[in-house]
């Protein structure tokens, strides 16, 4: 497909429509945040399982990990449509 250039600048994707443009650095930050929060949560919950501690009691770091996991999922989910 021929890409149309605007004023000799970068190629324009005619199928882009009204999709929001994503900054690649922000996408990388949220991807790292996703995997870091998954690592933190899995490690903490494995420790709770081995210690037979109450799983319902969440520490502040687990709450922050869950919030960052949800935020990164919500940010990265629309990018799956671009695959």
C-alpha atoms as a PDB file:
ATOM      1  CA  UNK A   1       0.000   0.000   0.000  1.00  0.00           C
ATOM      2  CA  UNK A   2       1.242   3.467  -0.849  1.00  0.00           C
ATOM      3  CA  UNK A   3       1.608   5.688   2.191  1.00  0.00           C
ATOM      4  CA  UNK A   4       0.469   9.255   1.696  1.00  0.00           C
ATOM      5  CA  UNK A   5       2.922  11.870   2.898  1.00  0.00           C
ATOM      6  CA  UNK A   6       1.788  15.075   4.486  1.00  0.00           C
ATOM      7  CA  UNK A   7       3.961  18.071   3.466  1.00  0.00           C
ATOM      8  CA  UNK A   8       6.934  15.816   2.752  1.00  0.00           C
ATOM      9  CA  UNK A   9       6.913  14.584   6.363  1.00  0.00           C
ATOM     10  CA  UNK A  10       6.227  11.202   7.826  1.00  0.00           C
ATOM     11  CA  UNK A  11       3.903   8.713   6.122  1.00  0.00           C
ATOM     12  CA  UNK A  12       0.276   8.833   7.164  1.00  0.00           C
ATOM     13  CA  UNK A  13      -1.659   5.626   7.764  1.00  0.00           C
ATOM     14  CA  UNK A  14      -5.011   6.088   6.001  1.00  0.00           C
ATOM     15  CA  UNK A  15      -6.532   3.267   8.089  1.00  0.00           C
ATOM     16  CA  UNK A  16      -5.573   4.909  11.381  1.00  0.00           C
ATOM     17  CA  UNK A  17      -8.935   6.605  11.787  1.00  0.00           C
ATOM     18  CA  UNK A  18      -9.497   8.136  15.171  1.00  0.00           C
ATOM     19  CA  UNK A  19      -7.181   5.815  17.090  1.00  0.00           C
ATOM     20  CA  UNK A  20      -5.222   7.566  19.818  1.00  0.00           C
ATOM     21  CA  UNK A  21      -1.510   7.767  19.110  1.00  0.00           C
ATOM     22  CA  UNK A  22       0.643   6.023  21.676  1.00  0.00           C
ATOM     23  CA  UNK A  23       4.075   7.191  22.687  1.00  0.00           C
ATOM     24  CA  UNK A  24       6.538   4.298  22.484  1.00  0.00           C
ATOM     25  CA  UNK A  25       8.325   5.352  25.688  1.00  0.00           C
ATOM     26  CA  UNK A  26       5.055   5.415  27.616  1.00  0.00           C
ATOM     27  CA  UNK A  27       4.186   2.000  26.207  1.00  0.00           C
ATOM     28  CA  UNK A  28       7.531   0.641  27.365  1.00  0.00           C
ATOM     29  CA  UNK A  29       7.035   2.101  30.851  1.00  0.00           C
ATOM     30  CA  UNK A  30       3.606   0.492  31.162  1.00  0.00           C
ATOM     31  CA  UNK A  31       4.920  -2.829  29.838  1.00  0.00           C
ATOM     32  CA  UNK A  32       7.713  -2.849  32.425  1.00  0.00           C
ATOM     33  CA  UNK A  33       5.190  -1.825  35.086  1.00  0.00           C
ATOM     34  CA  UNK A  34       2.927  -4.713  34.080  1.00  0.00           C
ATOM     35  CA  UNK A  35       5.627  -7.353  34.417  1.00  0.00           C
ATOM     36  CA  UNK A  36       7.077  -5.818  37.590  1.00  0.00           C
ATOM     37  CA  UNK A  37       3.689  -5.797  39.276  1.00  0.00           C
ATOM     38  CA  UNK A  38       3.030  -9.386  38.160  1.00  0.00           C
ATOM     39  CA  UNK A  39       6.366 -10.426  39.638  1.00  0.00           C
ATOM     40  CA  UNK A  40       5.698  -8.592  42.910  1.00  0.00           C
ATOM     41  CA  UNK A  41       2.188 -10.000  43.297  1.00  0.00           C
ATOM     42  CA  UNK A  42       3.136 -13.572  42.434  1.00  0.00           C
ATOM     43  CA  UNK A  43       6.098 -13.504  44.819  1.00  0.00           C
ATOM     44  CA  UNK A  44       4.064 -12.041  47.692  1.00  0.00           C
ATOM     45  CA  UNK A  45       1.130 -14.410  47.194  1.00  0.00           C
ATOM     46  CA  UNK A  46       3.454 -17.411  47.017  1.00  0.00           C
ATOM     47  CA  UNK A  47       4.966 -16.339  50.363  1.00  0.00           C
ATOM     48  CA  UNK A  48       1.480 -16.023  51.844  1.00  0.00           C
ATOM     49  CA  UNK A  49       0.545 -19.475  50.570  1.00  0.00           C
ATOM     50  CA  UNK A  50       3.642 -21.068  52.100  1.00  0.00           C
ATOM     51  CA  UNK A  51       3.181 -19.281  55.426  1.00  0.00           C
ATOM     52  CA  UNK A  52      -0.538 -20.152  55.506  1.00  0.00           C
ATOM     53  CA  UNK A  53      -1.328 -16.467  56.050  1.00  0.00           C
ATOM     54  CA  UNK A  54      -4.691 -14.934  55.308  1.00  0.00           C
ATOM     55  CA  UNK A  55      -4.840 -14.152  51.608  1.00  0.00           C
ATOM     56  CA  UNK A  56      -7.600 -11.580  52.114  1.00  0.00           C
ATOM     57  CA  UNK A  57      -5.348  -9.232  54.120  1.00  0.00           C
ATOM     58  CA  UNK A  58      -3.525  -7.053  51.614  1.00  0.00           C
ATOM     59  CA  UNK A  59      -0.433  -5.029  52.397  1.00  0.00           C
ATOM     60  CA  UNK A  60       0.070  -1.541  50.917  1.00  0.00           C
ATOM     61  CA  UNK A  61       2.666  -2.903  48.467  1.00  0.00           C
ATOM     62  CA  UNK A  62       0.192  -5.522  47.226  1.00  0.00           C
ATOM     63  CA  UNK A  63      -2.498  -2.879  46.778  1.00  0.00           C
ATOM     64  CA  UNK A  64      -0.041  -0.695  44.836  1.00  0.00           C
ATOM     65  CA  UNK A  65       0.954  -3.714  42.734  1.00  0.00           C
ATOM     66  CA  UNK A  66      -2.671  -4.526  41.943  1.00  0.00           C
ATOM     67  CA  UNK A  67      -3.437  -0.903  41.037  1.00  0.00           C
ATOM     68  CA  UNK A  68      -0.375  -0.653  38.775  1.00  0.00           C
ATOM     69  CA  UNK A  69      -1.287  -3.992  37.172  1.00  0.00           C
ATOM     70  CA  UNK A  70      -4.805  -2.783  36.403  1.00  0.00           C
ATOM     71  CA  UNK A  71      -3.557   0.589  35.132  1.00  0.00           C
ATOM     72  CA  UNK A  72      -1.056  -1.024  32.791  1.00  0.00           C
ATOM     73  CA  UNK A  73      -3.638  -3.516  31.505  1.00  0.00           C
ATOM     74  CA  UNK A  74      -6.086  -0.696  30.811  1.00  0.00           C
ATOM     75  CA  UNK A  75      -3.383   1.263  28.973  1.00  0.00           C
ATOM     76  CA  UNK A  76      -2.038  -1.663  26.934  1.00  0.00           C
ATOM     77  CA  UNK A  77      -5.366  -3.338  26.084  1.00  0.00           C
ATOM     78  CA  UNK A  78      -6.220  -1.017  23.137  1.00  0.00           C
ATOM     79  CA  UNK A  79      -2.812  -1.757  21.629  1.00  0.00           C
ATOM     80  CA  UNK A  80      -3.859  -5.360  21.031  1.00  0.00           C
ATOM     81  CA  UNK A  81      -6.115  -4.104  18.253  1.00  0.00           C
ATOM     82  CA  UNK A  82      -3.021  -2.893  16.382  1.00  0.00           C
ATOM     83  CA  UNK A  83      -1.420  -6.341  16.158  1.00  0.00           C
END
